Amino acid sequence: MHNYMGLYLHKSLDNDAEIYVWQITETEEQLKSMCSIPTDELEEIGMYASESQRKQKLAVRCLLEEAFEEKVYLNHHDNGKPFIENEATNISITHTEKYVAIILHKEDDLGIDIESLDRDFSAVEAKALSEDEIEDLEEDRTEKNEQLAIYWCAKEAIYKRMSVNKVDFAEQIEVESFNVRKEGELEATFIHKDGYEEEFDLEYMTFDRHVLVWLVG
């Protein structure tokens, strides 16, 4: 294991899932030197025009090295869902400018999403919330923005977990009302196009003006 600054958090959950969070403070060159990257993956990363995106992808690779003893090969299904070619482990990945997070579990399906609270989430209200969810929003602008960020992350995490095409976030993903805390639990329902409903329990935590939401199972 390297003792670099990068690994910000490693959290082992009761359900045997593992979360790893990397804080991107390094240069692109430093990130490259910190982990061994399969050549084709390095070429792929090099095709991103934005340095920030390249660094995010490199940080994911650094996290994989923290999480696995053997070298793993990361790939993506046609729908964009990531998978590890040579390990029977499910993975979900998320990144912002400053942080990258992965969640791993041997059997269960996963979803994870991170957002910066410095972003303005006001568009989420009209785009992704149901009428019930809108009614539950706080009056205070700062609190409301944090609440919207958590709603958005929760719905994104469920969307990644379901990996179905064309999901209407407002109609098909309903998050029960919650009070914003430093960390907490959320309950949500995914309504399939045929009306079949699936219930999910999610967890969230906030740190350094970021919110991270995940679900397992």
C-alpha atoms as a PDB file:
ATOM      1  CA  MET A   1       0.000   0.000   0.000  1.00  0.00           C
ATOM      2  CA  HIS A   2       1.251   3.484  -0.823  1.00  0.00           C
ATOM      3  CA  ASN A   3       0.991   6.177   1.793  1.00  0.00           C
ATOM      4  CA  TYR A   4       0.203   8.966  -0.592  1.00  0.00           C
ATOM      5  CA  MET A   5      -2.021  11.852   0.306  1.00  0.00           C
ATOM      6  CA  GLY A   6      -4.485  10.774  -2.368  1.00  0.00           C
ATOM      7  CA  LEU A   7      -6.513   8.168  -0.488  1.00  0.00           C
ATOM      8  CA  TYR A   8      -8.903  10.388   1.434  1.00  0.00           C
ATOM      9  CA  LEU A   9     -11.191   7.744   2.867  1.00  0.00           C
ATOM     10  CA  HIS A  10     -11.606   3.997   3.006  1.00  0.00           C
ATOM     11  CA  LYS A  11     -14.884   2.838   4.501  1.00  0.00           C
ATOM     12  CA  SER A  12     -15.846  -0.804   5.073  1.00  0.00           C
ATOM     13  CA  LEU A  13     -19.621  -1.169   5.310  1.00  0.00           C
ATOM     14  CA  ASP A  14     -21.544  -3.706   7.396  1.00  0.00           C
ATOM     15  CA  ASN A  15     -22.825  -5.355   4.224  1.00  0.00           C
ATOM     16  CA  ASP A  16     -19.239  -6.133   3.093  1.00  0.00           C
ATOM     17  CA  ALA A  17     -19.109  -3.345   0.535  1.00  0.00           C
ATOM     18  CA  GLU A  18     -15.973  -1.190   0.428  1.00  0.00           C
ATOM     19  CA  ILE A  19     -15.862   2.511  -0.426  1.00  0.00           C
ATOM     20  CA  TYR A  20     -12.664   4.268  -1.463  1.00  0.00           C
ATOM     21  CA  VAL A  21     -12.409   8.029  -1.973  1.00  0.00           C
ATOM     22  CA  TRP A  22      -9.430   9.808  -3.553  1.00  0.00           C
ATOM     23  CA  GLN A  23      -8.760  13.504  -3.178  1.00  0.00           C
ATOM     24  CA  ILE A  24      -7.124  14.814  -6.346  1.00  0.00           C
ATOM     25  CA  THR A  25      -4.282  17.097  -5.296  1.00  0.00           C
ATOM     26  CA  GLU A  26      -1.616  15.642  -7.574  1.00  0.00           C
ATOM     27  CA  THR A  27      -0.478  16.666 -11.028  1.00  0.00           C
ATOM     28  CA  GLU A  28      -1.260  14.410 -13.942  1.00  0.00           C
ATOM     29  CA  GLU A  29       2.355  13.176 -13.996  1.00  0.00           C
ATOM     30  CA  GLN A  30       2.314  12.382 -10.275  1.00  0.00           C
ATOM     31  CA  LEU A  31      -0.874  10.368 -10.669  1.00  0.00           C
ATOM     32  CA  LYS A  32       0.641   8.444 -13.576  1.00  0.00           C
ATOM     33  CA  SER A  33       3.715   7.590 -11.538  1.00  0.00           C
ATOM     34  CA  MET A  34       1.651   6.422  -8.558  1.00  0.00           C
ATOM     35  CA  CYS A  35      -0.027   3.489 -10.237  1.00  0.00           C
ATOM     36  CA  SER A  36       0.637   1.030 -13.016  1.00  0.00           C
ATOM     37  CA  ILE A  37      -1.901   1.480 -15.781  1.00  0.00           C
ATOM     38  CA  PRO A  38      -2.563  -0.984 -18.603  1.00  0.00           C
ATOM     39  CA  THR A  39      -1.302   0.534 -21.870  1.00  0.00           C
ATOM     40  CA  ASP A  40      -4.643   0.544 -23.665  1.00  0.00           C
ATOM     41  CA  GLU A  41      -6.250   2.249 -20.690  1.00  0.00           C
ATOM     42  CA  LEU A  42      -3.510   4.877 -20.650  1.00  0.00           C
ATOM     43  CA  GLU A  43      -4.097   5.544 -24.344  1.00  0.00           C
ATOM     44  CA  GLU A  44      -7.817   5.879 -23.714  1.00  0.00           C
ATOM     45  CA  ILE A  45      -7.223   8.341 -20.872  1.00  0.00           C
ATOM     46  CA  GLY A  46      -4.900  10.352 -23.117  1.00  0.00           C
ATOM     47  CA  MET A  47      -7.777  10.904 -25.543  1.00  0.00           C
ATOM     48  CA  TYR A  48      -9.653  13.143 -23.093  1.00  0.00           C
ATOM     49  CA  ALA A  49      -9.111  16.773 -24.021  1.00  0.00           C
ATOM     50  CA  SER A  50      -9.627  18.078 -20.484  1.00  0.00           C
ATOM     51  CA  GLU A  51      -6.804  17.681 -17.989  1.00  0.00           C
ATOM     52  CA  SER A  52      -9.342  17.477 -15.164  1.00  0.00           C
ATOM     53  CA  GLN A  53     -11.016  14.465 -16.800  1.00  0.00           C
ATOM     54  CA  ARG A  54      -7.673  12.753 -17.375  1.00  0.00           C
ATOM     55  CA  LYS A  55      -6.776  13.272 -13.711  1.00  0.00           C
ATOM     56  CA  GLN A  56     -10.132  11.873 -12.603  1.00  0.00           C
ATOM     57  CA  LYS A  57      -9.597   8.733 -14.678  1.00  0.00           C
ATOM     58  CA  LEU A  58      -6.056   8.337 -13.347  1.00  0.00           C
ATOM     59  CA  ALA A  59      -7.313   8.736  -9.782  1.00  0.00           C
ATOM     60  CA  VAL A  60      -9.818   5.901 -10.389  1.00  0.00           C
ATOM     61  CA  ARG A  61      -6.873   3.757 -11.413  1.00  0.00           C
ATOM     62  CA  CYS A  62      -5.015   4.719  -8.213  1.00  0.00           C
ATOM     63  CA  LEU A  63      -8.056   3.687  -6.169  1.00  0.00           C
ATOM     64  CA  LEU A  64      -8.214   0.328  -7.937  1.00  0.00           C
ATOM     65  CA  GLU A  65      -4.615  -0.214  -6.976  1.00  0.00           C
ATOM     66  CA  GLU A  66      -5.467   0.572  -3.346  1.00  0.00           C
ATOM     67  CA  ALA A  67      -8.399  -1.830  -3.434  1.00  0.00           C
ATOM     68  CA  PHE A  68      -6.899  -4.837  -5.228  1.00  0.00           C
ATOM     69  CA  GLU A  69      -3.651  -6.659  -4.710  1.00  0.00           C
ATOM     70  CA  GLU A  70      -3.579  -7.944  -8.266  1.00  0.00           C
ATOM     71  CA  LYS A  71      -3.622  -5.692 -11.306  1.00  0.00           C
ATOM     72  CA  VAL A  72      -7.219  -5.301 -12.462  1.00  0.00           C
ATOM     73  CA  TYR A  73      -8.587  -4.391 -15.870  1.00  0.00           C
ATOM     74  CA  LEU A  74     -11.421  -1.913 -15.992  1.00  0.00           C
ATOM     75  CA  ASN A  75     -13.917  -1.963 -18.827  1.00  0.00           C
ATOM     76  CA  HIS A  76     -17.409  -0.624 -19.569  1.00  0.00           C
ATOM     77  CA  HIS A  77     -20.582  -2.245 -20.856  1.00  0.00           C
ATOM     78  CA  ASP A  78     -22.318  -0.637 -23.838  1.00  0.00           C
ATOM     79  CA  ASN A  79     -24.584   1.279 -21.438  1.00  0.00           C
ATOM     80  CA  GLY A  80     -21.526   2.802 -19.752  1.00  0.00           C
ATOM     81  CA  LYS A  81     -21.684   0.653 -16.616  1.00  0.00           C
ATOM     82  CA  PRO A  82     -18.146  -0.158 -15.438  1.00  0.00           C
ATOM     83  CA  PHE A  83     -16.971  -3.689 -14.752  1.00  0.00           C
ATOM     84  CA  ILE A  84     -13.710  -5.359 -13.805  1.00  0.00           C
ATOM     85  CA  GLU A  85     -12.625  -7.941 -16.357  1.00  0.00           C
ATOM     86  CA  ASN A  86     -10.487 -10.165 -14.165  1.00  0.00           C
ATOM     87  CA  GLU A  87     -12.198  -9.966 -10.757  1.00  0.00           C
ATOM     88  CA  ALA A  88     -15.659 -11.175  -9.773  1.00  0.00           C
ATOM     89  CA  THR A  89     -16.463  -7.909  -8.040  1.00  0.00           C
ATOM     90  CA  ASN A  90     -19.139  -5.353  -8.843  1.00  0.00           C
ATOM     91  CA  ILE A  91     -18.050  -1.729  -9.046  1.00  0.00           C
ATOM     92  CA  SER A  92     -19.623   1.692  -9.318  1.00  0.00           C
ATOM     93  CA  ILE A  93     -17.578   4.844  -9.943  1.00  0.00           C
ATOM     94  CA  THR A  94     -18.191   8.561  -9.528  1.00  0.00           C
ATOM     95  CA  HIS A  95     -16.085  11.703  -9.822  1.00  0.00           C
ATOM     96  CA  THR A  96     -16.009  15.459  -9.414  1.00  0.00           C
ATOM     97  CA  GLU A  97     -13.199  17.907 -10.105  1.00  0.00           C
ATOM     98  CA  LYS A  98     -11.714  17.245  -6.678  1.00  0.00           C
ATOM     99  CA  TYR A  99     -12.776  13.765  -5.564  1.00  0.00           C
ATOM    100  CA  VAL A 100     -13.143  10.329  -7.097  1.00  0.00           C
ATOM    101  CA  ALA A 101     -15.009   7.500  -5.350  1.00  0.00           C
ATOM    102  CA  ILE A 102     -15.573   3.821  -6.023  1.00  0.00           C
ATOM    103  CA  ILE A 103     -17.731   1.254  -4.268  1.00  0.00           C
ATOM    104  CA  LEU A 104     -17.087  -2.488  -4.520  1.00  0.00           C
ATOM    105  CA  HIS A 105     -19.049  -5.597  -3.566  1.00  0.00           C
ATOM    106  CA  LYS A 106     -18.485  -9.239  -4.489  1.00  0.00           C
ATOM    107  CA  GLU A 107     -22.132 -10.003  -5.315  1.00  0.00           C
ATOM    108  CA  ASP A 108     -24.544  -7.130  -4.910  1.00  0.00           C
ATOM    109  CA  ASP A 109     -25.434  -4.467  -7.443  1.00  0.00           C
ATOM    110  CA  LEU A 110     -24.174  -1.008  -6.565  1.00  0.00           C
ATOM    111  CA  GLY A 111     -24.593   2.673  -7.221  1.00  0.00           C
ATOM    112  CA  ILE A 112     -22.556   5.650  -6.005  1.00  0.00           C
ATOM    113  CA  ASP A 113     -22.584   9.354  -6.778  1.00  0.00           C
ATOM    114  CA  ILE A 114     -20.652  12.377  -5.533  1.00  0.00           C
ATOM    115  CA  GLU A 115     -21.323  16.065  -6.106  1.00  0.00           C
ATOM    116  CA  SER A 116     -19.763  19.317  -4.986  1.00  0.00           C
ATOM    117  CA  LEU A 117     -22.045  21.438  -2.811  1.00  0.00           C
ATOM    118  CA  ASP A 118     -20.531  24.531  -4.409  1.00  0.00           C
ATOM    119  CA  ARG A 119     -22.559  23.732  -7.499  1.00  0.00           C
ATOM    120  CA  ASP A 120     -25.980  25.297  -7.928  1.00  0.00           C
ATOM    121  CA  PHE A 121     -28.574  22.515  -7.941  1.00  0.00           C
ATOM    122  CA  SER A 122     -31.646  24.679  -8.514  1.00  0.00           C
ATOM    123  CA  ALA A 123     -32.228  23.106 -11.963  1.00  0.00           C
ATOM    124  CA  VAL A 124     -32.707  19.716 -10.274  1.00  0.00           C
ATOM    125  CA  GLU A 125     -36.024  20.837  -8.810  1.00  0.00           C
ATOM    126  CA  ALA A 126     -37.761  21.224 -12.160  1.00  0.00           C
ATOM    127  CA  LYS A 127     -35.834  18.490 -13.928  1.00  0.00           C
ATOM    128  CA  ALA A 128     -35.657  15.593 -11.491  1.00  0.00           C
ATOM    129  CA  LEU A 129     -38.084  15.970  -8.567  1.00  0.00           C
ATOM    130  CA  SER A 130     -41.664  14.803  -8.133  1.00  0.00           C
ATOM    131  CA  GLU A 131     -44.366  17.117  -6.722  1.00  0.00           C
ATOM    132  CA  ASP A 132     -44.106  15.396  -3.320  1.00  0.00           C
ATOM    133  CA  GLU A 133     -40.355  15.885  -3.236  1.00  0.00           C
ATOM    134  CA  ILE A 134     -40.682  19.555  -4.185  1.00  0.00           C
ATOM    135  CA  GLU A 135     -43.153  20.063  -1.315  1.00  0.00           C
ATOM    136  CA  ASP A 136     -40.523  18.739   1.119  1.00  0.00           C
ATOM    137  CA  LEU A 137     -37.855  21.265   0.110  1.00  0.00           C
ATOM    138  CA  GLU A 138     -36.475  23.691   2.690  1.00  0.00           C
ATOM    139  CA  GLU A 139     -37.107  27.433   2.493  1.00  0.00           C
ATOM    140  CA  ASP A 140     -33.527  28.379   3.328  1.00  0.00           C
ATOM    141  CA  ARG A 141     -31.460  28.651   0.143  1.00  0.00           C
ATOM    142  CA  THR A 142     -28.258  27.000   1.401  1.00  0.00           C
ATOM    143  CA  GLU A 143     -30.124  24.137   3.040  1.00  0.00           C
ATOM    144  CA  LYS A 144     -32.288  23.721  -0.028  1.00  0.00           C
ATOM    145  CA  ASN A 145     -29.242  23.471  -2.292  1.00  0.00           C
ATOM    146  CA  GLU A 146     -27.749  20.756  -0.092  1.00  0.00           C
ATOM    147  CA  GLN A 147     -31.064  18.935  -0.051  1.00  0.00           C
ATOM    148  CA  LEU A 148     -31.301  19.105  -3.850  1.00  0.00           C
ATOM    149  CA  ALA A 149     -27.730  17.803  -4.123  1.00  0.00           C
ATOM    150  CA  ILE A 150     -28.631  14.790  -1.973  1.00  0.00           C
ATOM    151  CA  TYR A 151     -31.795  14.141  -4.006  1.00  0.00           C
ATOM    152  CA  TRP A 152     -29.769  14.318  -7.196  1.00  0.00           C
ATOM    153  CA  CYS A 153     -26.988  12.024  -5.919  1.00  0.00           C
ATOM    154  CA  ALA A 154     -29.537   9.509  -4.622  1.00  0.00           C
ATOM    155  CA  LYS A 155     -31.338   9.391  -7.957  1.00  0.00           C
ATOM    156  CA  GLU A 156     -28.060   9.138  -9.870  1.00  0.00           C
ATOM    157  CA  ALA A 157     -26.901   6.288  -7.610  1.00  0.00           C
ATOM    158  CA  ILE A 158     -30.166   4.412  -8.187  1.00  0.00           C
ATOM    159  CA  TYR A 159     -29.955   5.082 -11.916  1.00  0.00           C
ATOM    160  CA  LYS A 160     -26.443   3.597 -11.981  1.00  0.00           C
ATOM    161  CA  ARG A 161     -27.588   0.626  -9.900  1.00  0.00           C
ATOM    162  CA  MET A 162     -30.525  -0.109 -12.233  1.00  0.00           C
ATOM    163  CA  SER A 163     -28.588   0.431 -15.470  1.00  0.00           C
ATOM    164  CA  VAL A 164     -31.743   0.738 -17.562  1.00  0.00           C
ATOM    165  CA  ASN A 165     -32.095   3.212 -20.397  1.00  0.00           C
ATOM    166  CA  LYS A 166     -34.092   6.433 -20.399  1.00  0.00           C
ATOM    167  CA  VAL A 167     -35.169   6.858 -16.789  1.00  0.00           C
ATOM    168  CA  ASP A 168     -37.437   9.765 -15.862  1.00  0.00           C
ATOM    169  CA  PHE A 169     -35.924  10.899 -12.561  1.00  0.00           C
ATOM    170  CA  ALA A 170     -39.057  12.792 -11.485  1.00  0.00           C
ATOM    171  CA  GLU A 171     -41.547  10.043 -12.344  1.00  0.00           C
ATOM    172  CA  GLN A 172     -39.585   6.849 -11.748  1.00  0.00           C
ATOM    173  CA  ILE A 173     -37.379   7.541  -8.736  1.00  0.00           C
ATOM    174  CA  GLU A 174     -39.085   8.697  -5.545  1.00  0.00           C
ATOM    175  CA  VAL A 175     -36.959   9.572  -2.498  1.00  0.00           C
ATOM    176  CA  GLU A 176     -38.726   9.711   0.883  1.00  0.00           C
ATOM    177  CA  SER A 177     -38.464  13.020   2.730  1.00  0.00           C
ATOM    178  CA  PHE A 178     -35.359  13.431   4.899  1.00  0.00           C
ATOM    179  CA  ASN A 179     -33.625  15.989   7.090  1.00  0.00           C
ATOM    180  CA  VAL A 180     -30.186  17.049   5.930  1.00  0.00           C
ATOM    181  CA  ARG A 181     -27.518  15.871   8.341  1.00  0.00           C
ATOM    182  CA  LYS A 182     -23.791  15.296   8.106  1.00  0.00           C
ATOM    183  CA  GLU A 183     -24.590  11.680   7.327  1.00  0.00           C
ATOM    184  CA  GLY A 184     -27.787   9.733   7.123  1.00  0.00           C
ATOM    185  CA  GLU A 185     -29.979   7.140   5.487  1.00  0.00           C
ATOM    186  CA  LEU A 186     -32.454   7.533   2.671  1.00  0.00           C
ATOM    187  CA  GLU A 187     -35.329   5.413   1.431  1.00  0.00           C
ATOM    188  CA  ALA A 188     -36.298   5.418  -2.210  1.00  0.00           C
ATOM    189  CA  THR A 189     -38.502   3.602  -4.696  1.00  0.00           C
ATOM    190  CA  PHE A 190     -37.748   2.848  -8.320  1.00  0.00           C
ATOM    191  CA  ILE A 191     -40.886   2.541 -10.441  1.00  0.00           C
ATOM    192  CA  HIS A 192     -40.351   0.465 -13.559  1.00  0.00           C
ATOM    193  CA  LYS A 193     -42.131   1.393 -16.796  1.00  0.00           C
ATOM    194  CA  ASP A 194     -44.586  -1.482 -16.221  1.00  0.00           C
ATOM    195  CA  GLY A 195     -45.453  -0.155 -12.761  1.00  0.00           C
ATOM    196  CA  TYR A 196     -43.393  -2.688 -10.798  1.00  0.00           C
ATOM    197  CA  GLU A 197     -41.821  -1.001  -7.760  1.00  0.00           C
ATOM    198  CA  GLU A 198     -38.478  -1.722  -6.106  1.00  0.00           C
ATOM    199  CA  GLU A 199     -37.501  -0.329  -2.710  1.00  0.00           C
ATOM    200  CA  PHE A 200     -33.963   0.800  -1.925  1.00  0.00           C
ATOM    201  CA  ASP A 201     -32.075   1.930   1.164  1.00  0.00           C
ATOM    202  CA  LEU A 202     -29.278   4.419   0.558  1.00  0.00           C
ATOM    203  CA  GLU A 203     -26.722   6.102   2.775  1.00  0.00           C
ATOM    204  CA  TYR A 204     -25.046   9.458   2.441  1.00  0.00           C
ATOM    205  CA  MET A 205     -22.275  11.476   4.010  1.00  0.00           C
ATOM    206  CA  THR A 206     -20.967  14.992   3.494  1.00  0.00           C
ATOM    207  CA  PHE A 207     -17.345  16.101   3.736  1.00  0.00           C
ATOM    208  CA  ASP A 208     -15.347  19.064   2.480  1.00  0.00           C
ATOM    209  CA  ARG A 209     -18.357  20.660   0.739  1.00  0.00           C
ATOM    210  CA  HIS A 210     -19.146  17.420  -1.085  1.00  0.00           C
ATOM    211  CA  VAL A 211     -21.952  14.920  -0.706  1.00  0.00           C
ATOM    212  CA  LEU A 212     -21.534  11.192  -1.371  1.00  0.00           C
ATOM    213  CA  VAL A 213     -24.527   8.832  -1.705  1.00  0.00           C
ATOM    214  CA  TRP A 214     -24.397   5.081  -2.213  1.00  0.00           C
ATOM    215  CA  LEU A 215     -26.555   1.973  -2.237  1.00  0.00           C
ATOM    216  CA  VAL A 216     -25.809  -1.724  -2.130  1.00  0.00           C
ATOM    217  CA  GLY A 217     -28.192  -4.507  -3.133  1.00  0.00           C
END
